[in-house]
Protein backbone atom coordinates (compact mmCIF):
# COMPACT_ATOMS: atom_id res chain seq x y z
CA MET A 1 53.74 -73.79 65.90
CA VAL A 2 57.11 -74.78 64.47
CA PHE A 3 58.43 -74.23 60.97
CA ASN A 4 61.56 -75.57 59.40
CA GLN A 5 63.62 -73.37 57.07
CA ASN A 6 62.70 -75.78 54.28
CA ASP A 7 59.01 -74.90 54.77
CA LEU A 8 59.51 -71.30 53.65
CA PRO A 9 59.70 -71.95 49.87
CA HIS A 10 56.37 -73.77 50.00
CA LEU A 11 54.74 -71.10 52.20
CA MET A 12 55.89 -68.43 49.75
CA GLY A 13 54.83 -70.44 46.68
CA TRP A 14 58.28 -70.31 45.12
CA GLU A 15 57.89 -73.73 43.52
CA LYS A 16 55.28 -72.14 41.25
CA VAL A 17 57.79 -69.68 39.79
CA ALA A 18 60.91 -71.82 39.80
CA ASN A 19 62.36 -72.84 36.48
CA GLY A 20 63.29 -76.49 36.66
CA ARG A 21 63.95 -78.02 40.06
CA SER A 22 61.76 -76.72 42.82
CA ASN A 23 62.60 -78.61 46.01
CA ALA A 24 63.10 -76.44 49.06
CA LYS A 25 66.79 -77.06 49.66
CA TYR A 26 67.61 -76.31 46.02
CA LEU A 27 65.59 -73.07 46.04
CA ILE A 28 67.22 -71.89 49.27
CA ASN A 29 70.64 -72.53 47.75
CA GLN A 30 69.60 -70.62 44.62
CA ILE A 31 68.56 -67.68 46.81
CA ASP A 32 71.85 -67.81 48.72
CA ASP A 33 73.71 -67.78 45.38
CA GLU A 34 71.53 -64.86 44.17
CA LYS A 35 70.25 -66.94 41.25
CA PHE A 36 66.63 -66.99 42.43
CA THR A 37 65.58 -63.38 43.01
CA LEU A 38 62.47 -61.25 43.07
CA ALA A 39 63.48 -59.88 39.68
CA SER A 40 63.73 -63.36 38.19
CA THR A 41 60.41 -64.48 39.68
CA ARG A 42 58.58 -61.43 38.33
CA LYS A 43 59.43 -62.59 34.81
CA HIS A 44 57.77 -65.99 35.37
CA HIS A 45 54.30 -66.49 33.89
CA ASN A 46 52.99 -67.77 37.26
CA PHE A 47 54.15 -64.74 39.26
CA ASP A 48 50.62 -63.42 39.74
CA SER A 49 49.68 -66.66 41.51
CA ILE A 50 52.17 -65.94 44.34
CA ARG A 51 51.92 -62.15 44.46
CA ASN A 52 49.67 -62.11 47.56
CA ARG A 53 52.00 -64.45 49.41
CA LEU A 54 54.89 -62.09 48.75
CA LEU A 55 52.85 -59.09 49.84
CA ASN A 56 52.15 -60.83 53.17
CA TYR A 57 55.81 -61.73 53.76
CA ASN A 58 56.37 -59.03 56.40
CA TYR A 59 53.53 -60.43 58.50
CA LEU A 60 54.89 -63.96 58.12
CA HIS A 61 58.36 -62.68 59.00
CA ASP A 62 57.05 -61.17 62.24
CA ILE A 63 55.31 -64.38 63.20
CA LEU A 64 58.19 -66.72 62.42
CA LEU A 65 61.23 -64.71 63.49
CA HIS A 66 59.87 -62.65 66.35
CA LYS A 67 57.50 -65.36 67.62
CA MET A 68 54.74 -62.81 67.72
CA SER A 69 51.58 -64.19 69.24
CA ILE A 70 48.69 -63.69 66.85
CA PHE A 71 46.31 -64.56 69.66
CA ALA A 72 47.62 -61.98 72.15
CA SER A 73 45.00 -59.76 73.66
């Protein structure tokens, strides 16, 4: 399974809590510039719709960055 960096905003649901533009490249740049933060997303009225995705981030992080096999026995 292969993911592109631009897939992360969609996997995390960030487009649901972005104000204005919500394409992946734009959101990643906003994060890099510290303009799109957890604090700013918590204020958005749709935050509850992505809460579970954020809570599962550590698991996703392990899978994507450490190439953990979820099917290992």
